[in-house]
Structures are given as C-alpha cells and as structure tokens.
C-alpha cells in the first residue's frame, strides 16, 4: 500500500468513527545530485555543458569533482572555476552562483582538448558526496513510535517550486575553436593559466592586467597599458602547439583609446620558426591596419598612399573583431575586421600592386608557435588596449 492509499484509508476509517494508527516505514534516500554532461566535439577538441541538479540538501556553495578516463585536458571554462590535476577535475562555483537550493540546478561549461576517445565521466561527486550515492538522511527526533490521524479539512496541494537555474553560453566562437578564452576564469590581477606575461625583446613600464571594469563579454578582459618607446613592449601570450602548421585561424576582440599613429606599432605578434624565429606582426602604420614581417620589415599593404587606402583604421572607444587566416603551406594571409575582409591585408598568391609586392619579394611559408597580444611601439606612440574573447582553430571562427 503506498502512502497516499494508506492515508486515504485512514481518513475513511476516521470518518466512520475509528482511529487508525499508522507506523511509518523506512524511506529510500534521494541521490545527492544528478549531472547532465552534454558534449560537442571535433577531431582534437570539445566543449561540454554541465548541468548539476542538487538533491535534498541545500548548499551555500558547491564543488563538483570527476575523473576523466582518457587524456582530456581542460583549457578554459565559464560559469565555474575549473582546475585539473592529472585526470582529476574540480569545478567550483563563482561568486554569483554559489547558492544551490534543494532540487536546484546550476550549469557551467568548459572547453578542452583530447585524442583518441572522449568518454563521458561517470564518477561525479557534489561537495564530496557521490552523485551515485543517496543523499545523507535528515536526522529528526521522534516524538512517539506511532502517529494518530485525525480527520481535518483537506488542504490545497502546494505547487512545486521551479528549480533555480544559473546558465550562460560559452565564449563566442568556442564551438569550432581549439583555444577559446574569455578570461572569466582569471582570479588574479595578472593573467595566468595558459597565458604568460612578458616581452621577447625588452620590457619597460608597459603593463598587462586583468580588468573587471571593461569587457566585451562577461565581466573580465585583459588591459594592456602600452607605453611609447621600443623597450616598453608589453604582451600576454600563449603557445600554439599543434595549431601553427597548415592553416591557422584566429579571432579576438580589441578596444583601444588612441587612433593608430603615423609611426609603426604592433598589437599582435606570432613567432615564426620558419623565419629564423622572427615575428609575424599585426598592428598599424600611417593610421591604418597593417601586417609586418620582422625578418625583412616587409609590410602589407605597401605603405604608399594607394596601398594604405586599401586598409582601414581601427576605431577607438568601441570593441572591434579582428580575424585572420595564415596558411603556412600556401604562404597566404587573409584578414577581416568586423567580419568584412580588408583588401589591403590579403596575400592570395596573385600579385597586387601597392599591396603585396614587398611580401612576395621572397618565399614565405610560416610555422607559427605562439600568439602574443599587447603593444609594441618603435617611437613615442602609446595606447591603452583591452583584449577579450580570444579564439584560435583550424577553421574560421567568426565574430
């Protein structure tokens, strides 16, 4: 006899003038949690959207742990702080989504790399209790071994409370990117994790810092205070291991305060091991965007009035989406600003006057090993820049 039928029988007996005495039997404890782990994967990478539904015990903060069976490696995350040691992974709440009521759900996501198989974890645990185990029972002090049911006016059933859910989407472009970072997991004042701060040549008073006052998405970006002068280089960088051969696509959002100057400056650099370890640089000159090859100082476009007219300036005081493709095998290069291709920043194998005559002066088949974002000035030009939603992959990512 289930509880509803038992209670109904008791009420019927009571209505006939008989008092029914029911002894409550043992109840099965509810699981501590349940986890929905939804994966979108491609050849070498994946994203996972993870929804954790709490059991019967409310929590003011939460930690979810699991173990990967393969060689999965978490590279970034959103809506949680995710750390990995070996195959063991720990995800902890952020400041805004720590409260998890009984029956409530919280969602977060992550991005990673893998090879071989990408099996779904099976050993999730919430706040130290396995999601496959029952939730700890609630302890109560019994008042008597029996319970008497007295007829009373039926009450209206309470409408179940909808579980609280905290969700947000992944950083823009993660679905097709091998590396995608919106800096939301940065907890210190200096970028860490996959990012290192420094300059290949010399570093002076320029600074790189995590900023919570300006962001393209979420609440964090990286601010570069770029000073004038050659020895004031300031960059944050990450390795392109496994990405720099063949076609490399990149995308990042940039915001800056001072128009591109007449003199030569750079806000992005990538080390080219096929060019003596010298840099492939993107920045500006003559107030418009340009590419520069450090080894021979070739520019794209050529810095003639007709060549500069085929490029565009970089707007100040607003976020701009900068995209590029470097095809090392073909020796080609393409560039988009806010999803529109820039004619003066294209090397397609077909010589174009005032654009690529310097670039095609010698064979060029780059093999890139890192990406650095920041500021490099060769005279007295300074600027303050913010970078956000950085993505890299083997296919175009989009804005």
Protein backbone atom coordinates (compact mmCIF):
# COMPACT_ATOMS: atom_id res chain seq x y z
CA UNK A 1 0.00 0.00 0.00
CA UNK A 2 1.53 3.35 -0.95
CA UNK A 3 1.42 6.37 1.33
CA UNK A 4 -1.43 8.06 -0.50
CA UNK A 5 -3.62 4.94 -0.34
CA UNK A 6 -2.74 4.42 3.33
CA UNK A 7 -3.63 7.98 4.23
CA UNK A 8 -6.91 7.73 2.32
CA UNK A 9 -7.85 4.51 4.15
CA UNK A 10 -7.06 6.15 7.47
CA UNK A 11 -9.30 9.09 6.66
CA UNK A 12 -12.11 6.76 5.69
CA UNK A 13 -11.76 4.82 8.93
CA UNK A 14 -11.65 8.01 10.94
CA UNK A 15 -14.81 9.23 9.24
CA UNK A 16 -16.53 6.04 10.40
CA UNK A 17 -15.56 6.81 13.99
CA UNK A 18 -12.47 4.62 14.15
CA UNK A 19 -8.96 5.93 14.89
CA UNK A 20 -6.33 4.44 12.61
CA UNK A 21 -2.73 4.07 13.81
CA UNK A 22 -0.08 4.02 11.06
CA UNK A 23 3.60 3.18 11.58
CA UNK A 24 5.85 4.91 9.05
CA UNK A 25 8.14 2.52 7.18
CA UNK A 26 11.71 3.31 6.06
CA UNK A 27 12.03 5.70 3.08
CA UNK A 28 14.68 5.45 0.38
CA UNK A 29 17.09 8.42 0.46
CA UNK A 30 17.29 10.57 -2.65
CA UNK A 31 20.58 10.79 -4.60
CA UNK A 32 22.93 13.62 -3.64
CA UNK A 33 22.79 15.04 -7.17
CA UNK A 34 22.35 14.28 -10.84
CA UNK A 35 24.57 15.52 -13.65
CA UNK A 36 23.80 16.08 -17.33
CA UNK A 37 27.08 16.19 -19.31
CA UNK A 38 26.48 17.28 -22.92
CA UNK A 39 29.45 17.25 -25.29
CA UNK A 40 30.12 18.91 -28.64
CA UNK A 41 33.39 17.56 -30.03
CA UNK A 42 35.56 17.71 -33.11
CA UNK A 43 38.81 15.99 -34.10
CA UNK A 44 41.07 17.36 -31.36
CA UNK A 45 38.82 19.39 -29.08
CA UNK A 46 35.48 19.57 -27.38
CA UNK A 47 33.15 21.69 -25.29
CA UNK A 48 30.95 20.33 -22.52
CA UNK A 49 27.85 21.90 -20.99
CA UNK A 50 27.37 20.50 -17.48
CA UNK A 51 24.09 20.85 -15.57
CA UNK A 52 24.18 19.82 -11.90
CA UNK A 53 20.88 19.24 -10.11
CA UNK A 54 21.12 19.21 -6.33
CA UNK A 55 19.46 16.63 -4.11
CA UNK A 56 17.54 17.25 -0.91
CA UNK A 57 20.18 19.26 0.95
CA UNK A 58 20.57 22.97 0.10
CA UNK A 59 24.12 24.30 -0.26
CA UNK A 60 25.54 27.81 0.01
CA UNK A 61 28.48 26.85 -2.22
CA UNK A 62 29.28 23.88 -4.42
CA UNK A 63 32.19 21.86 -5.73
CA UNK A 64 31.76 19.20 -8.40
CA UNK A 65 34.53 16.66 -9.00
CA UNK A 66 35.06 13.96 -11.59
CA UNK A 67 37.80 11.93 -13.28
CA UNK A 68 38.49 11.65 -16.99
CA UNK A 69 39.16 8.17 -18.33
CA UNK A 70 41.23 9.39 -21.29
CA UNK A 71 43.72 12.19 -21.96
CA UNK A 72 41.17 15.03 -21.90
CA UNK A 73 42.71 18.36 -20.90
CA UNK A 74 40.55 21.32 -19.83
CA UNK A 75 41.76 24.59 -21.38
CA UNK A 76 39.07 27.08 -20.32
CA UNK A 77 35.68 27.28 -18.64
CA UNK A 78 32.74 29.59 -17.97
CA UNK A 79 30.35 29.95 -15.01
CA UNK A 80 32.77 28.00 -12.79
CA UNK A 81 36.42 27.84 -11.79
CA UNK A 82 37.71 24.57 -13.22
CA UNK A 83 41.08 23.07 -12.28
CA UNK A 84 42.66 19.83 -13.41
CA UNK A 85 45.41 17.71 -11.87
CA UNK A 86 46.22 14.69 -13.98
CA UNK A 87 42.86 13.13 -14.81
CA UNK A 88 41.09 14.60 -11.75
CA UNK A 89 38.95 17.70 -12.35
CA UNK A 90 37.42 20.09 -9.81
CA UNK A 91 34.78 22.71 -10.66
CA UNK A 92 33.81 25.34 -8.08
CA UNK A 93 31.12 27.99 -8.10
CA UNK A 94 31.79 31.64 -8.84
CA UNK A 95 30.67 34.48 -6.59
CA UNK A 96 27.27 34.83 -8.27
CA UNK A 97 26.13 31.20 -8.50
CA UNK A 98 27.16 29.54 -5.23
CA UNK A 99 23.67 29.15 -3.71
CA UNK A 100 22.19 25.82 -4.74
CA UNK A 101 18.80 25.07 -3.15
CA UNK A 102 17.37 21.59 -2.72
CA UNK A 103 16.30 20.48 -6.20
CA UNK A 104 18.04 23.47 -7.78
CA UNK A 105 20.17 23.28 -10.91
CA UNK A 106 23.32 25.16 -11.88
CA UNK A 107 25.03 24.99 -15.25
CA UNK A 108 28.57 25.71 -16.37
CA UNK A 109 30.70 24.87 -19.37
CA UNK A 110 34.25 24.06 -20.32
CA UNK A 111 36.47 23.59 -23.34
CA UNK A 112 39.26 21.08 -23.73
CA UNK A 113 41.46 19.01 -26.00
CA UNK A 114 41.76 15.25 -26.39
CA UNK A 115 42.96 12.49 -28.68
CA UNK A 116 41.56 9.01 -29.13
CA UNK A 117 38.30 8.60 -27.24
CA UNK A 118 36.44 11.25 -25.26
CA UNK A 119 34.36 9.21 -22.83
CA UNK A 120 31.81 10.89 -20.55
CA UNK A 121 32.89 10.82 -16.88
CA UNK A 122 30.91 8.53 -14.57
CA UNK A 123 32.15 9.40 -11.07
CA UNK A 124 30.67 12.86 -10.43
CA UNK A 125 30.53 13.96 -6.79
CA UNK A 126 28.91 17.10 -5.35
CA UNK A 127 30.52 18.59 -2.23
CA UNK A 128 32.27 15.29 -1.58
CA UNK A 129 29.19 13.05 -1.94
CA UNK A 130 28.98 10.79 -4.98
CA UNK A 131 26.07 11.56 -7.26
CA UNK A 132 25.51 7.82 -7.45
CA UNK A 133 25.09 7.57 -3.67
CA UNK A 134 21.95 8.53 -1.73
CA UNK A 135 21.94 11.96 -0.13
CA UNK A 136 22.75 11.98 3.60
CA UNK A 137 19.49 11.40 5.54
CA UNK A 138 17.98 14.24 7.52
CA UNK A 139 18.08 13.41 11.24
CA UNK A 140 14.92 14.06 13.28
CA UNK A 141 13.99 13.22 16.89
CA UNK A 142 10.86 11.01 17.04
CA UNK A 143 8.13 12.14 19.45
CA UNK A 144 6.47 8.70 19.64
CA UNK A 145 6.59 5.40 17.81
CA UNK A 146 3.11 5.86 16.37
CA UNK A 147 1.18 8.56 14.59
CA UNK A 148 -2.58 9.16 15.01
CA UNK A 149 -4.50 10.60 12.09
CA UNK A 150 -7.46 12.81 12.91
CA UNK A 151 -9.93 13.95 10.25
CA UNK A 152 -9.32 17.51 9.10
CA UNK A 153 -10.28 19.79 6.26
CA UNK A 154 -8.28 18.87 3.14
CA UNK A 155 -5.67 21.43 2.16
CA UNK A 156 -4.82 22.57 -1.36
CA UNK A 157 -1.62 20.90 -2.62
CA UNK A 158 1.40 23.21 -2.78
CA UNK A 159 2.68 23.94 -6.28
CA UNK A 160 6.26 22.63 -6.60
CA UNK A 161 8.92 25.32 -6.72
CA UNK A 162 10.75 25.58 -10.05
CA UNK A 163 14.43 24.74 -9.52
CA UNK A 164 16.78 27.71 -9.65
CA UNK A 165 18.97 27.56 -12.75
CA UNK A 166 22.08 29.62 -13.48
CA UNK A 167 23.17 29.46 -17.09
CA UNK A 168 25.12 31.37 -19.68
CA UNK A 169 26.55 30.48 -23.05
CA UNK A 170 30.18 29.68 -23.79
CA UNK A 171 32.54 32.36 -25.08
CA UNK A 172 31.63 33.32 -28.64
CA UNK A 173 33.20 31.01 -31.21
CA UNK A 174 34.08 28.11 -28.91
CA UNK A 175 32.14 25.55 -30.96
CA UNK A 176 34.80 25.50 -33.70
CA UNK A 177 37.90 26.72 -31.86
CA UNK A 178 40.68 24.66 -30.31
CA UNK A 179 41.62 27.52 -27.99
CA UNK A 180 38.91 29.90 -26.77
CA UNK A 181 39.27 32.16 -23.75
CA UNK A 182 37.09 34.98 -22.42
CA UNK A 183 39.28 35.48 -19.31
CA UNK A 184 36.36 34.86 -16.96
CA UNK A 185 38.42 32.25 -15.08
CA UNK A 186 41.18 34.73 -14.25
CA UNK A 187 41.08 35.33 -10.49
CA UNK A 188 44.26 37.35 -10.01
CA UNK A 189 45.37 40.74 -11.22
CA UNK A 190 47.87 39.27 -13.72
CA UNK A 191 46.78 36.81 -16.43
CA UNK A 192 47.72 33.22 -15.61
CA UNK A 193 46.79 29.71 -16.66
CA UNK A 194 47.63 29.27 -20.34
CA UNK A 195 48.81 32.89 -20.52
CA UNK A 196 52.24 34.30 -19.72
CA UNK A 197 53.13 37.98 -19.47
CA UNK A 198 56.35 39.41 -20.86
CA UNK A 199 58.15 40.59 -23.99
CA UNK A 200 60.54 38.80 -26.30
CA UNK A 201 62.93 41.72 -26.60
CA UNK A 202 62.76 44.16 -23.72
CA UNK A 203 60.10 45.32 -21.30
CA UNK A 204 59.84 48.68 -19.57
CA UNK A 205 56.88 50.43 -17.97
CA UNK A 206 54.10 48.94 -20.11
CA UNK A 207 51.71 46.75 -18.07
CA UNK A 208 49.33 43.82 -18.60
CA UNK A 209 46.49 43.21 -16.11
CA UNK A 210 43.13 41.51 -15.74
CA UNK A 211 40.44 44.22 -15.83
CA UNK A 212 36.92 43.97 -14.39
CA UNK A 213 35.76 47.44 -15.49
CA UNK A 214 35.64 46.83 -19.26
CA UNK A 215 34.72 43.61 -21.07
CA UNK A 216 33.35 42.53 -24.43
CA UNK A 217 31.53 39.61 -22.82
CA UNK A 218 31.19 38.55 -19.20
CA UNK A 219 32.92 40.71 -16.62
CA UNK A 220 36.65 40.42 -17.40
CA UNK A 221 39.11 41.34 -20.12
CA UNK A 222 42.85 41.93 -20.27
CA UNK A 223 44.04 45.53 -20.23
CA UNK A 224 47.36 46.49 -21.79
CA UNK A 225 48.74 49.89 -20.89
CA UNK A 226 51.13 50.40 -23.77
CA UNK A 227 53.85 53.00 -23.37
CA UNK A 228 55.91 54.71 -26.04
CA UNK A 229 59.42 53.62 -26.91
CA UNK A 230 60.97 50.42 -28.15
CA UNK A 231 61.74 48.97 -24.71
CA UNK A 232 58.19 49.34 -23.43
CA UNK A 233 56.86 46.15 -25.04
CA UNK A 234 54.00 44.59 -23.04
CA UNK A 235 52.33 41.33 -24.11
CA UNK A 236 50.39 38.34 -22.87
CA UNK A 237 50.99 35.17 -24.81
CA UNK A 238 50.02 31.52 -25.24
CA UNK A 239 51.50 28.56 -27.11
CA UNK A 240 50.16 27.44 -30.48
CA UNK A 241 51.47 23.89 -30.15
CA UNK A 242 49.54 21.74 -32.60
CA UNK A 243 47.97 24.74 -34.34
CA UNK A 244 50.74 26.65 -36.11
CA UNK A 245 51.31 24.31 -39.07
CA UNK A 246 48.96 24.38 -42.03
CA UNK A 247 46.04 26.78 -41.74
CA UNK A 248 45.67 28.84 -38.58
CA UNK A 249 42.57 30.93 -37.95
CA UNK A 250 42.44 33.49 -35.14
CA UNK A 251 39.83 35.83 -33.73
CA UNK A 252 39.89 38.33 -30.90
CA UNK A 253 38.02 41.43 -29.83
CA UNK A 254 40.10 44.55 -29.22
CA UNK A 255 39.25 48.00 -27.88
CA UNK A 256 41.69 50.89 -27.68
CA UNK A 257 41.77 54.58 -26.82
CA UNK A 258 44.22 56.29 -29.19
CA UNK A 259 43.97 56.21 -33.03
CA UNK A 260 46.62 54.22 -34.82
CA UNK A 261 49.57 56.59 -35.32
CA UNK A 262 51.66 57.50 -38.33
CA UNK A 263 54.57 55.54 -36.91
CA UNK A 264 54.79 51.75 -36.83
CA UNK A 265 53.14 49.93 -33.90
CA UNK A 266 52.01 46.34 -33.29
CA UNK A 267 49.27 44.87 -31.08
CA UNK A 268 49.79 41.21 -32.05
CA UNK A 269 52.90 39.11 -32.68
CA UNK A 270 53.50 35.45 -33.53
CA UNK A 271 56.89 33.73 -33.55
CA UNK A 272 57.72 32.11 -36.89
CA UNK A 273 60.19 29.23 -36.59
CA UNK A 274 60.39 29.00 -40.40
CA UNK A 275 61.70 32.58 -40.49
CA UNK A 276 64.56 32.33 -38.01
CA UNK A 277 62.29 32.74 -35.01
CA UNK A 278 61.40 36.29 -36.03
CA UNK A 279 57.88 37.65 -35.57
CA UNK A 280 54.88 37.99 -37.83
CA UNK A 281 53.21 41.15 -36.52
CA UNK A 282 49.84 42.86 -36.90
CA UNK A 283 49.35 46.50 -35.95
CA UNK A 284 49.28 49.81 -37.72
CA UNK A 285 51.18 52.45 -39.63
CA UNK A 286 50.08 55.65 -41.37
CA UNK A 287 46.87 55.45 -39.28
CA UNK A 288 45.67 52.17 -40.81
CA UNK A 289 45.98 48.46 -40.03
CA UNK A 290 48.95 46.60 -41.45
CA UNK A 291 50.92 43.36 -41.22
CA UNK A 292 54.69 43.42 -40.80
CA UNK A 293 57.32 40.71 -41.22
CA UNK A 294 60.10 41.32 -38.72
CA UNK A 295 62.84 39.48 -40.62
CA UNK A 296 62.86 41.80 -43.65
CA UNK A 297 60.47 44.56 -42.48
CA UNK A 298 58.07 43.84 -45.34
CA UNK A 299 54.66 45.47 -44.87
CA UNK A 300 51.18 44.54 -46.01
CA UNK A 301 49.93 46.70 -47.64
CA UNK A 302 52.84 48.62 -49.12
CA UNK A 303 52.98 51.98 -47.36
CA UNK A 304 52.21 54.05 -50.45
CA UNK A 305 49.10 56.27 -50.41
CA UNK A 306 47.36 53.83 -52.77
CA UNK A 307 48.34 50.88 -50.58
CA UNK A 308 47.26 52.47 -47.29
CA UNK A 309 43.93 53.34 -48.91
CA UNK A 310 43.29 49.59 -49.28
CA UNK A 311 43.46 49.15 -45.50
CA UNK A 312 41.24 50.59 -42.74
CA UNK A 313 41.74 52.35 -39.41
CA UNK A 314 40.93 50.68 -36.08
CA UNK A 315 38.06 52.54 -34.38
CA UNK A 316 38.64 53.85 -30.86
CA UNK A 317 36.33 53.64 -27.86
CA UNK A 318 34.49 50.55 -29.14
CA UNK A 319 35.07 46.82 -29.49
CA UNK A 320 36.31 45.60 -32.89
CA UNK A 321 36.50 41.99 -34.06
CA UNK A 322 39.88 41.20 -35.64
CA UNK A 323 40.09 37.92 -37.59
CA UNK A 324 42.96 36.41 -39.56
CA UNK A 325 43.93 33.31 -41.51
CA UNK A 326 47.57 32.27 -42.02
CA UNK A 327 48.05 29.39 -44.47
CA UNK A 328 51.64 28.29 -43.96
CA UNK A 329 51.60 25.67 -46.71
CA UNK A 330 50.35 28.07 -49.38
CA UNK A 331 52.10 31.14 -47.98
CA UNK A 332 48.84 33.08 -47.89
CA UNK A 333 47.22 35.50 -45.48
CA UNK A 334 43.72 36.96 -45.07
CA UNK A 335 42.29 39.50 -42.63
CA UNK A 336 38.81 40.55 -41.58
CA UNK A 337 37.67 43.45 -39.42
CA UNK A 338 34.16 43.13 -38.00
CA UNK A 339 33.51 40.24 -40.43
CA UNK A 340 34.48 42.27 -43.53
CA UNK A 341 37.62 41.28 -45.42
CA UNK A 342 40.22 44.05 -45.70
CA UNK A 343 41.57 44.09 -49.31
CA UNK A 344 44.92 45.59 -48.36
CA UNK A 345 45.59 42.83 -45.82
CA UNK A 346 45.36 39.85 -48.18
CA UNK A 347 48.12 37.69 -49.68
CA UNK A 348 46.43 35.26 -52.08
CA UNK A 349 49.27 34.29 -54.43
CA UNK A 350 48.20 36.80 -57.08
CA UNK A 351 50.49 39.88 -57.13
CA UNK A 352 48.54 43.08 -56.45
CA UNK A 353 50.25 46.50 -56.94
CA UNK A 354 50.61 48.65 -53.83
CA UNK A 355 49.57 45.76 -51.60
CA UNK A 356 51.82 42.68 -51.64
CA UNK A 357 54.92 43.47 -53.72
CA UNK A 358 57.09 43.61 -50.59
CA UNK A 359 55.51 40.48 -49.16
CA UNK A 360 56.08 38.45 -52.34
CA UNK A 361 59.71 39.56 -52.55
CA UNK A 362 60.73 36.13 -51.23
CA UNK A 363 59.19 32.75 -50.44
CA UNK A 364 57.15 32.76 -47.23
CA UNK A 365 55.77 29.64 -45.54
CA UNK A 366 55.36 30.46 -41.85
CA UNK A 367 55.32 27.93 -38.98
CA UNK A 368 53.87 29.83 -36.02
CA UNK A 369 54.45 28.73 -32.42
CA UNK A 370 52.80 31.34 -30.21
CA UNK A 371 50.29 34.18 -30.08
CA UNK A 372 51.03 37.41 -28.20
CA UNK A 373 48.60 40.29 -27.73
CA UNK A 374 49.68 43.65 -26.37
CA UNK A 375 51.61 46.70 -27.50
CA UNK A 376 54.89 47.30 -29.29
CA UNK A 377 55.93 50.82 -30.22
CA UNK A 378 59.03 51.81 -32.16
CA UNK A 379 58.90 55.52 -31.32
CA UNK A 380 56.96 57.52 -28.75
CA UNK A 381 53.45 56.25 -29.52
CA UNK A 382 51.40 54.97 -26.57
CA UNK A 383 47.96 53.39 -26.35
CA UNK A 384 45.69 51.61 -23.87
CA UNK A 385 44.07 48.45 -25.20
CA UNK A 386 41.68 45.75 -23.98
CA UNK A 387 41.52 42.20 -25.39
CA UNK A 388 38.70 39.70 -24.92
CA UNK A 389 37.15 36.53 -26.40
CA UNK A 390 40.33 35.18 -27.97
CA UNK A 391 39.86 32.10 -30.19
CA UNK A 392 42.18 30.01 -32.36
CA UNK A 393 41.50 26.98 -34.53
CA UNK A 394 41.88 25.26 -37.87
CA UNK A 395 38.73 26.80 -39.38
CA UNK A 396 37.29 30.27 -39.49
CA UNK A 397 35.64 31.12 -36.18
CA UNK A 398 33.70 34.30 -36.91
CA UNK A 399 32.77 37.26 -34.74
